[in-house]
Amino acid sequence: MSDQEGVSEVIVECSFCSKNSQEVDKLIAGHNNVYICDECVAIRSNEVVECSFCSKKFRKNEFPIPNESEAQICKECVAICDGIIRRT
């Protein structure tokens, strides 16, 4: 019996685009079986969004807050809001 006999290769997919490990160059494993491929990293690192509070444009990956709406918020606005909350 060879070392490879009876061993099945597990093929994992990118949790964002669903491409499998054979369709991309790199696939990075995260916590709880979440994976991201090199292509999705490139897309997300260059994605520019507008802050819903101040309209400043920033890269989405600079401060990603998972949400179900289209609203976005930059680091500066989070800091201002935090200051307001702490004063009350």
PDB file of N, CA and C in Angstrom:
ATOM      1  N   MET A   1       0.839  -1.180   0.000  1.00  0.00           N
ATOM      2  CA  MET A   1       0.000   0.000   0.000  1.00  0.00           C
ATOM      3  C   MET A   1       0.885   1.245   0.000  1.00  0.00           C
ATOM      4  N   SER A   2       0.660   2.157  -0.938  1.00  0.00           N
ATOM      5  CA  SER A   2       1.473   3.369  -1.017  1.00  0.00           C
ATOM      6  C   SER A   2       0.996   4.391   0.007  1.00  0.00           C
ATOM      7  N   ASP A   3       1.830   5.396   0.229  1.00  0.00           N
ATOM      8  CA  ASP A   3       1.484   6.455   1.179  1.00  0.00           C
ATOM      9  C   ASP A   3       0.238   7.226   0.747  1.00  0.00           C
ATOM     10  N   GLN A   4       0.006   7.333  -0.540  1.00  0.00           N
ATOM     11  CA  GLN A   4      -1.105   8.114  -1.058  1.00  0.00           C
ATOM     12  C   GLN A   4      -2.393   7.312  -1.181  1.00  0.00           C
ATOM     13  N   GLU A   5      -2.296   6.014  -1.135  1.00  0.00           N
ATOM     14  CA  GLU A   5      -3.463   5.163  -1.317  1.00  0.00           C
ATOM     15  C   GLU A   5      -4.426   5.316  -0.146  1.00  0.00           C
ATOM     16  N   GLY A   6      -5.679   5.532  -0.449  1.00  0.00           N
ATOM     17  CA  GLY A   6      -6.688   5.660   0.585  1.00  0.00           C
ATOM     18  C   GLY A   6      -6.783   7.049   1.183  1.00  0.00           C
ATOM     19  N   VAL A   7      -5.931   7.974   0.721  1.00  0.00           N
ATOM     20  CA  VAL A   7      -5.954   9.340   1.219  1.00  0.00           C
ATOM     21  C   VAL A   7      -6.639  10.209   0.173  1.00  0.00           C
ATOM     22  N   SER A   8      -7.696  10.885   0.583  1.00  0.00           N
ATOM     23  CA  SER A   8      -8.369  11.770  -0.363  1.00  0.00           C
ATOM     24  C   SER A   8      -7.936  13.204  -0.106  1.00  0.00           C
ATOM     25  N   GLU A   9      -7.691  13.928  -1.188  1.00  0.00           N
ATOM     26  CA  GLU A   9      -7.279  15.317  -1.081  1.00  0.00           C
ATOM     27  C   GLU A   9      -8.503  16.181  -0.800  1.00  0.00           C
ATOM     28  N   VAL A  10      -8.406  17.005   0.215  1.00  0.00           N
ATOM     29  CA  VAL A  10      -9.500  17.899   0.562  1.00  0.00           C
ATOM     30  C   VAL A  10      -9.332  19.173  -0.267  1.00  0.00           C
ATOM     31  N   ILE A  11     -10.352  19.509  -1.016  1.00  0.00           N
ATOM     32  CA  ILE A  11     -10.325  20.727  -1.812  1.00  0.00           C
ATOM     33  C   ILE A  11     -11.176  21.768  -1.100  1.00  0.00           C
ATOM     34  N   VAL A  12     -10.542  22.877  -0.758  1.00  0.00           N
ATOM     35  CA  VAL A  12     -11.255  23.943  -0.069  1.00  0.00           C
ATOM     36  C   VAL A  12     -11.527  25.081  -1.050  1.00  0.00           C
ATOM     37  N   GLU A  13     -12.499  25.929  -0.694  1.00  0.00           N
ATOM     38  CA  GLU A  13     -12.890  27.042  -1.551  1.00  0.00           C
ATOM     39  C   GLU A  13     -12.722  28.367  -0.835  1.00  0.00           C
ATOM     40  N   CYS A  14     -12.525  29.411  -1.623  1.00  0.00           N
ATOM     41  CA  CYS A  14     -12.504  30.770  -1.097  1.00  0.00           C
ATOM     42  C   CYS A  14     -13.900  31.081  -0.572  1.00  0.00           C
ATOM     43  N   SER A  15     -13.984  31.590   0.627  1.00  0.00           N
ATOM     44  CA  SER A  15     -15.273  31.901   1.244  1.00  0.00           C
ATOM     45  C   SER A  15     -15.944  33.120   0.603  1.00  0.00           C
ATOM     46  N   PHE A  16     -15.214  33.847  -0.231  1.00  0.00           N
ATOM     47  CA  PHE A  16     -15.737  35.066  -0.839  1.00  0.00           C
ATOM     48  C   PHE A  16     -16.156  34.879  -2.288  1.00  0.00           C
ATOM     49  N   CYS A  17     -15.371  34.114  -3.073  1.00  0.00           N
ATOM     50  CA  CYS A  17     -15.690  33.949  -4.496  1.00  0.00           C
ATOM     51  C   CYS A  17     -15.995  32.503  -4.882  1.00  0.00           C
ATOM     52  N   SER A  18     -15.802  31.584  -3.964  1.00  0.00           N
ATOM     53  CA  SER A  18     -16.072  30.153  -4.150  1.00  0.00           C
ATOM     54  C   SER A  18     -15.137  29.437  -5.127  1.00  0.00           C
ATOM     55  N   LYS A  19     -14.041  30.085  -5.526  1.00  0.00           N
ATOM     56  CA  LYS A  19     -13.055  29.374  -6.341  1.00  0.00           C
ATOM     57  C   LYS A  19     -12.314  28.408  -5.434  1.00  0.00           C
ATOM     58  N   ASN A  20     -11.981  27.236  -5.987  1.00  0.00           N
ATOM     59  CA  ASN A  20     -11.285  26.252  -5.160  1.00  0.00           C
ATOM     60  C   ASN A  20      -9.774  26.413  -5.275  1.00  0.00           C
ATOM     61  N   SER A  21      -9.069  25.676  -4.453  1.00  0.00           N
ATOM     62  CA  SER A  21      -7.614  25.792  -4.361  1.00  0.00           C
ATOM     63  C   SER A  21      -6.897  25.465  -5.663  1.00  0.00           C
ATOM     64  N   GLN A  22      -7.552  24.789  -6.568  1.00  0.00           N
ATOM     65  CA  GLN A  22      -6.941  24.468  -7.863  1.00  0.00           C
ATOM     66  C   GLN A  22      -7.166  25.579  -8.893  1.00  0.00           C
ATOM     67  N   GLU A  23      -8.047  26.537  -8.585  1.00  0.00           N
ATOM     68  CA  GLU A  23      -8.369  27.620  -9.519  1.00  0.00           C
ATOM     69  C   GLU A  23      -7.635  28.927  -9.213  1.00  0.00           C
ATOM     70  N   VAL A  24      -6.955  28.993  -8.071  1.00  0.00           N
ATOM     71  CA  VAL A  24      -6.254  30.216  -7.677  1.00  0.00           C
ATOM     72  C   VAL A  24      -4.809  29.892  -7.338  1.00  0.00           C
ATOM     73  N   ASP A  25      -3.977  30.928  -7.254  1.00  0.00           N
ATOM     74  CA  ASP A  25      -2.564  30.710  -6.912  1.00  0.00           C
ATOM     75  C   ASP A  25      -2.368  30.417  -5.434  1.00  0.00           C
ATOM     76  N   LYS A  26      -3.039  31.188  -4.593  1.00  0.00           N
ATOM     77  CA  LYS A  26      -2.884  31.028  -3.140  1.00  0.00           C
ATOM     78  C   LYS A  26      -4.252  31.051  -2.479  1.00  0.00           C
ATOM     79  N   LEU A  27      -4.390  30.281  -1.438  1.00  0.00           N
ATOM     80  CA  LEU A  27      -5.617  30.254  -0.643  1.00  0.00           C
ATOM     81  C   LEU A  27      -5.192  30.270   0.823  1.00  0.00           C
ATOM     82  N   ILE A  28      -5.632  31.282   1.551  1.00  0.00           N
ATOM     83  CA  ILE A  28      -5.205  31.472   2.936  1.00  0.00           C
ATOM     84  C   ILE A  28      -6.323  31.051   3.875  1.00  0.00           C
ATOM     85  N   ALA A  29      -5.966  30.225   4.852  1.00  0.00           N
ATOM     86  CA  ALA A  29      -6.952  29.736   5.824  1.00  0.00           C
ATOM     87  C   ALA A  29      -7.052  30.703   6.986  1.00  0.00           C
ATOM     88  N   GLY A  30      -8.289  30.948   7.397  1.00  0.00           N
ATOM     89  CA  GLY A  30      -8.543  31.784   8.565  1.00  0.00           C
ATOM     90  C   GLY A  30      -9.203  30.963   9.645  1.00  0.00           C
ATOM     91  N   HIS A  31      -9.760  31.631  10.598  1.00  0.00           N
ATOM     92  CA  HIS A  31     -10.441  31.006  11.721  1.00  0.00           C
ATOM     93  C   HIS A  31     -11.762  30.387  11.271  1.00  0.00           C
ATOM     94  N   ASN A  32     -12.157  29.297  11.867  1.00  0.00           N
ATOM     95  CA  ASN A  32     -13.447  28.635  11.599  1.00  0.00           C
ATOM     96  C   ASN A  32     -13.652  28.239  10.141  1.00  0.00           C
ATOM     97  N   ASN A  33     -12.616  27.722   9.513  1.00  0.00           N
ATOM     98  CA  ASN A  33     -12.698  27.234   8.136  1.00  0.00           C
ATOM     99  C   ASN A  33     -13.117  28.303   7.131  1.00  0.00           C
ATOM    100  N   VAL A  34     -12.656  29.519   7.340  1.00  0.00           N
ATOM    101  CA  VAL A  34     -12.870  30.596   6.379  1.00  0.00           C
ATOM    102  C   VAL A  34     -11.590  30.724   5.573  1.00  0.00           C
ATOM    103  N   TYR A  35     -11.735  30.862   4.266  1.00  0.00           N
ATOM    104  CA  TYR A  35     -10.591  30.963   3.371  1.00  0.00           C
ATOM    105  C   TYR A  35     -10.745  32.178   2.478  1.00  0.00           C
ATOM    106  N   ILE A  36      -9.603  32.772   2.086  1.00  0.00           N
ATOM    107  CA  ILE A  36      -9.613  33.861   1.108  1.00  0.00           C
ATOM    108  C   ILE A  36      -8.480  33.616   0.118  1.00  0.00           C
ATOM    109  N   CYS A  37      -8.795  33.830  -1.152  1.00  0.00           N
ATOM    110  CA  CYS A  37      -7.801  33.596  -2.191  1.00  0.00           C
ATOM    111  C   CYS A  37      -7.032  34.876  -2.503  1.00  0.00           C
ATOM    112  N   ASP A  38      -5.915  34.735  -3.197  1.00  0.00           N
ATOM    113  CA  ASP A  38      -5.088  35.874  -3.560  1.00  0.00           C
ATOM    114  C   ASP A  38      -5.840  36.874  -4.427  1.00  0.00           C
ATOM    115  N   GLU A  39      -6.753  36.402  -5.262  1.00  0.00           N
ATOM    116  CA  GLU A  39      -7.518  37.292  -6.134  1.00  0.00           C
ATOM    117  C   GLU A  39      -8.472  38.180  -5.321  1.00  0.00           C
ATOM    118  N   CYS A  40      -9.135  37.608  -4.331  1.00  0.00           N
ATOM    119  CA  CYS A  40     -10.057  38.389  -3.496  1.00  0.00           C
ATOM    120  C   CYS A  40      -9.308  39.377  -2.608  1.00  0.00           C
ATOM    121  N   VAL A  41      -8.119  38.994  -2.157  1.00  0.00           N
ATOM    122  CA  VAL A  41      -7.301  39.923  -1.373  1.00  0.00           C
ATOM    123  C   VAL A  41      -6.956  41.130  -2.228  1.00  0.00           C
ATOM    124  N   ALA A  42      -6.577  40.903  -3.475  1.00  0.00           N
ATOM    125  CA  ALA A  42      -6.223  42.006  -4.377  1.00  0.00           C
ATOM    126  C   ALA A  42      -7.411  42.926  -4.620  1.00  0.00           C
ATOM    127  N   ILE A  43      -8.577  42.360  -4.821  1.00  0.00           N
ATOM    128  CA  ILE A  43      -9.785  43.156  -5.067  1.00  0.00           C
ATOM    129  C   ILE A  43     -10.133  43.972  -3.834  1.00  0.00           C
ATOM    130  N   ARG A  44     -10.157  43.343  -2.677  1.00  0.00           N
ATOM    131  CA  ARG A  44     -10.578  44.025  -1.465  1.00  0.00           C
ATOM    132  C   ARG A  44      -9.560  45.045  -0.971  1.00  0.00           C
ATOM    133  N   SER A  45      -8.306  44.844  -1.268  1.00  0.00           N
ATOM    134  CA  SER A  45      -7.300  45.798  -0.799  1.00  0.00           C
ATOM    135  C   SER A  45      -7.336  47.088  -1.607  1.00  0.00           C
ATOM    136  N   ASN A  46      -7.949  47.064  -2.775  1.00  0.00           N
ATOM    137  CA  ASN A  46      -8.037  48.262  -3.604  1.00  0.00           C
ATOM    138  C   ASN A  46      -9.436  48.858  -3.658  1.00  0.00           C
ATOM    139  N   GLU A  47     -10.398  48.251  -2.990  1.00  0.00           N
ATOM    140  CA  GLU A  47     -11.780  48.707  -3.037  1.00  0.00           C
ATOM    141  C   GLU A  47     -11.938  49.995  -2.227  1.00  0.00           C
ATOM    142  N   VAL A  48     -12.359  51.054  -2.899  1.00  0.00           N
ATOM    143  CA  VAL A  48     -12.532  52.351  -2.243  1.00  0.00           C
ATOM    144  C   VAL A  48     -14.016  52.584  -2.010  1.00  0.00           C
ATOM    145  N   VAL A  49     -14.355  53.006  -0.792  1.00  0.00           N
ATOM    146  CA  VAL A  49     -15.738  53.303  -0.434  1.00  0.00           C
ATOM    147  C   VAL A  49     -15.797  54.709   0.160  1.00  0.00           C
ATOM    148  N   GLU A  50     -17.012  55.199   0.329  1.00  0.00           N
ATOM    149  CA  GLU A  50     -17.215  56.529   0.895  1.00  0.00           C
ATOM    150  C   GLU A  50     -17.858  56.398   2.265  1.00  0.00           C
ATOM    151  N   CYS A  51     -17.315  57.141   3.234  1.00  0.00           N
ATOM    152  CA  CYS A  51     -17.875  57.133   4.583  1.00  0.00           C
ATOM    153  C   CYS A  51     -19.275  57.731   4.539  1.00  0.00           C
ATOM    154  N   SER A  52     -20.219  57.055   5.123  1.00  0.00           N
ATOM    155  CA  SER A  52     -21.608  57.512   5.139  1.00  0.00           C
ATOM    156  C   SER A  52     -21.808  58.721   6.051  1.00  0.00           C
ATOM    157  N   PHE A  53     -20.829  58.996   6.922  1.00  0.00           N
ATOM    158  CA  PHE A  53     -20.929  60.128   7.848  1.00  0.00           C
ATOM    159  C   PHE A  53     -20.292  61.386   7.264  1.00  0.00           C
ATOM    160  N   CYS A  54     -19.037  61.281   6.817  1.00  0.00           N
ATOM    161  CA  CYS A  54     -18.295  62.477   6.401  1.00  0.00           C
ATOM    162  C   CYS A  54     -18.018  62.542   4.899  1.00  0.00           C
ATOM    163  N   SER A  55     -18.339  61.510   4.171  1.00  0.00           N
ATOM    164  CA  SER A  55     -18.136  61.414   2.713  1.00  0.00           C
ATOM    165  C   SER A  55     -16.676  61.247   2.297  1.00  0.00           C
ATOM    166  N   LYS A  56     -15.774  61.080   3.262  1.00  0.00           N
ATOM    167  CA  LYS A  56     -14.366  60.854   2.941  1.00  0.00           C
ATOM    168  C   LYS A  56     -14.237  59.484   2.280  1.00  0.00           C
ATOM    169  N   LYS A  57     -13.396  59.414   1.265  1.00  0.00           N
ATOM    170  CA  LYS A  57     -13.154  58.139   0.602  1.00  0.00           C
ATOM    171  C   LYS A  57     -12.016  57.421   1.319  1.00  0.00           C
ATOM    172  N   PHE A  58     -12.183  56.123   1.516  1.00  0.00           N
ATOM    173  CA  PHE A  58     -11.146  55.325   2.161  1.00  0.00           C
ATOM    174  C   PHE A  58     -11.196  53.913   1.618  1.00  0.00           C
ATOM    175  N   ARG A  59     -10.110  53.210   1.793  1.00  0.00           N
ATOM    176  CA  ARG A  59     -10.074  51.812   1.346  1.00  0.00           C
ATOM    177  C   ARG A  59     -10.897  50.977   2.300  1.00  0.00           C
ATOM    178  N   LYS A  60     -11.745  50.160   1.735  1.00  0.00           N
ATOM    179  CA  LYS A  60     -12.674  49.370   2.548  1.00  0.00           C
ATOM    180  C   LYS A  60     -11.937  48.498   3.557  1.00  0.00           C
ATOM    181  N   ASN A  61     -10.775  47.992   3.186  1.00  0.00           N
ATOM    182  CA  ASN A  61     -10.063  47.102   4.101  1.00  0.00           C
ATOM    183  C   ASN A  61      -9.375  47.845   5.235  1.00  0.00           C
ATOM    184  N   GLU A  62      -9.384  49.195   5.210  1.00  0.00           N
ATOM    185  CA  GLU A  62      -8.780  49.951   6.303  1.00  0.00           C
ATOM    186  C   GLU A  62      -9.597  49.845   7.583  1.00  0.00           C
ATOM    187  N   PHE A  63     -10.892  49.704   7.430  1.00  0.00           N
ATOM    188  CA  PHE A  63     -11.736  49.584   8.612  1.00  0.00           C
ATOM    189  C   PHE A  63     -13.009  48.840   8.253  1.00  0.00           C
ATOM    190  N   PRO A  64     -12.891  47.563   7.990  1.00  0.00           N
ATOM    191  CA  PRO A  64     -14.089  46.833   7.600  1.00  0.00           C
ATOM    192  C   PRO A  64     -14.980  46.510   8.792  1.00  0.00           C
ATOM    193  N   ILE A  65     -16.173  47.050   8.782  1.00  0.00           N
ATOM    194  CA  ILE A  65     -17.164  46.697   9.794  1.00  0.00           C
ATOM    195  C   ILE A  65     -18.211  45.861   9.078  1.00  0.00           C
ATOM    196  N   PRO A  66     -18.322  44.605   9.439  1.00  0.00           N
ATOM    197  CA  PRO A  66     -19.339  43.791   8.759  1.00  0.00           C
ATOM    198  C   PRO A  66     -20.732  44.313   9.058  1.00  0.00           C
ATOM    199  N   ASN A  67     -21.492  44.547   8.020  1.00  0.00           N
ATOM    200  CA  ASN A  67     -22.864  44.982   8.210  1.00  0.00           C
ATOM    201  C   ASN A  67     -23.720  44.506   7.045  1.00  0.00           C
ATOM    202  N   GLU A  68     -24.984  44.550   7.226  1.00  0.00           N
ATOM    203  CA  GLU A  68     -25.899  44.062   6.206  1.00  0.00           C
ATOM    204  C   GLU A  68     -26.382  45.184   5.306  1.00  0.00           C
ATOM    205  N   SER A  69     -26.071  46.428   5.650  1.00  0.00           N
ATOM    206  CA  SER A  69     -26.503  47.560   4.837  1.00  0.00           C
ATOM    207  C   SER A  69     -25.335  48.041   3.986  1.00  0.00           C
ATOM    208  N   GLU A  70     -25.575  49.070   3.225  1.00  0.00           N
ATOM    209  CA  GLU A  70     -24.521  49.651   2.396  1.00  0.00           C
ATOM    210  C   GLU A  70     -23.735  50.732   3.134  1.00  0.00           C
ATOM    211  N   ALA A  71     -24.121  51.037   4.368  1.00  0.00           N
ATOM    212  CA  ALA A  71     -23.466  52.099   5.132  1.00  0.00           C
ATOM    213  C   ALA A  71     -22.020  51.725   5.436  1.00  0.00           C
ATOM    214  N   GLN A  72     -21.130  52.715   5.347  1.00  0.00           N
ATOM    215  CA  GLN A  72     -19.716  52.538   5.655  1.00  0.00           C
ATOM    216  C   GLN A  72     -19.311  53.641   6.623  1.00  0.00           C
ATOM    217  N   ILE A  73     -18.267  53.393   7.419  1.00  0.00           N
ATOM    218  CA  ILE A  73     -17.780  54.419   8.338  1.00  0.00           C
ATOM    219  C   ILE A  73     -16.257  54.337   8.411  1.00  0.00           C
ATOM    220  N   CYS A  74     -15.606  55.507   8.374  1.00  0.00           N
ATOM    221  CA  CYS A  74     -14.149  55.547   8.419  1.00  0.00           C
ATOM    222  C   CYS A  74     -13.662  55.555   9.874  1.00  0.00           C
ATOM    223  N   LYS A  75     -12.358  55.356  10.058  1.00  0.00           N
ATOM    224  CA  LYS A  75     -11.769  55.307  11.402  1.00  0.00           C
ATOM    225  C   LYS A  75     -11.970  56.615  12.151  1.00  0.00           C
ATOM    226  N   GLU A  76     -11.831  57.733  11.445  1.00  0.00           N
ATOM    227  CA  GLU A  76     -11.959  59.032  12.095  1.00  0.00           C
ATOM    228  C   GLU A  76     -13.370  59.231  12.651  1.00  0.00           C
ATOM    229  N   CYS A  77     -14.388  58.859  11.883  1.00  0.00           N
ATOM    230  CA  CYS A  77     -15.768  59.020  12.346  1.00  0.00           C
ATOM    231  C   CYS A  77     -16.087  58.080  13.509  1.00  0.00           C
ATOM    232  N   VAL A  78     -15.496  56.900  13.499  1.00  0.00           N
ATOM    233  CA  VAL A  78     -15.680  55.985  14.629  1.00  0.00           C
ATOM    234  C   VAL A  78     -15.081  56.613  15.880  1.00  0.00           C
ATOM    235  N   ALA A  79     -13.903  57.217  15.754  1.00  0.00           N
ATOM    236  CA  ALA A  79     -13.262  57.854  16.906  1.00  0.00           C
ATOM    237  C   ALA A  79     -14.108  59.020  17.426  1.00  0.00           C
ATOM    238  N   ILE A  80     -14.663  59.829  16.526  1.00  0.00           N
ATOM    239  CA  ILE A  80     -15.511  60.953  16.934  1.00  0.00           C
ATOM    240  C   ILE A  80     -16.768  60.422  17.654  1.00  0.00           C
ATOM    241  N   CYS A  81     -17.391  59.422  17.086  1.00  0.00           N
ATOM    242  CA  CYS A  81     -18.605  58.841  17.700  1.00  0.00           C
ATOM    243  C   CYS A  81     -18.289  58.241  19.063  1.00  0.00           C
ATOM    244  N   ASP A  82     -17.135  57.589  19.164  1.00  0.00           N
ATOM    245  CA  ASP A  82     -16.720  57.016  20.446  1.00  0.00           C
ATOM    246  C   ASP A  82     -16.554  58.118  21.482  1.00  0.00           C
ATOM    247  N   GLY A  83     -15.959  59.239  21.087  1.00  0.00           N
ATOM    248  CA  GLY A  83     -15.791  60.373  21.991  1.00  0.00           C
ATOM    249  C   GLY A  83     -17.129  60.939  22.465  1.00  0.00           C
ATOM    250  N   ILE A  84     -18.085  61.033  21.550  1.00  0.00           N
ATOM    251  CA  ILE A  84     -19.410  61.529  21.909  1.00  0.00           C
ATOM    252  C   ILE A  84     -20.087  60.579  22.890  1.00  0.00           C
ATOM    253  N   ILE A  85     -19.985  59.315  22.644  1.00  0.00           N
ATOM    254  CA  ILE A  85     -20.609  58.318  23.535  1.00  0.00           C
ATOM    255  C   ILE A  85     -19.966  58.369  24.916  1.00  0.00           C
ATOM    256  N   ARG A  86     -18.665  58.509  24.983  1.00  0.00           N
ATOM    257  CA  ARG A  86     -17.976  58.539  26.284  1.00  0.00           C
ATOM    258  C   ARG A  86     -18.303  59.791  27.092  1.00  0.00           C
ATOM    259  N   ARG A  87     -18.657  60.893  26.422  1.00  0.00           N
ATOM    260  CA  ARG A  87     -19.002  62.141  27.129  1.00  0.00           C
ATOM    261  C   ARG A  87     -20.381  62.105  27.739  1.00  0.00           C
ATOM    262  N   THR A  88     -21.241  61.262  27.221  1.00  0.00           N
ATOM    263  CA  THR A  88     -22.625  61.246  27.723  1.00  0.00           C
ATOM    264  C   THR A  88     -22.785  60.311  28.880  1.00  0.00           C
TER     265      THR A  88
END
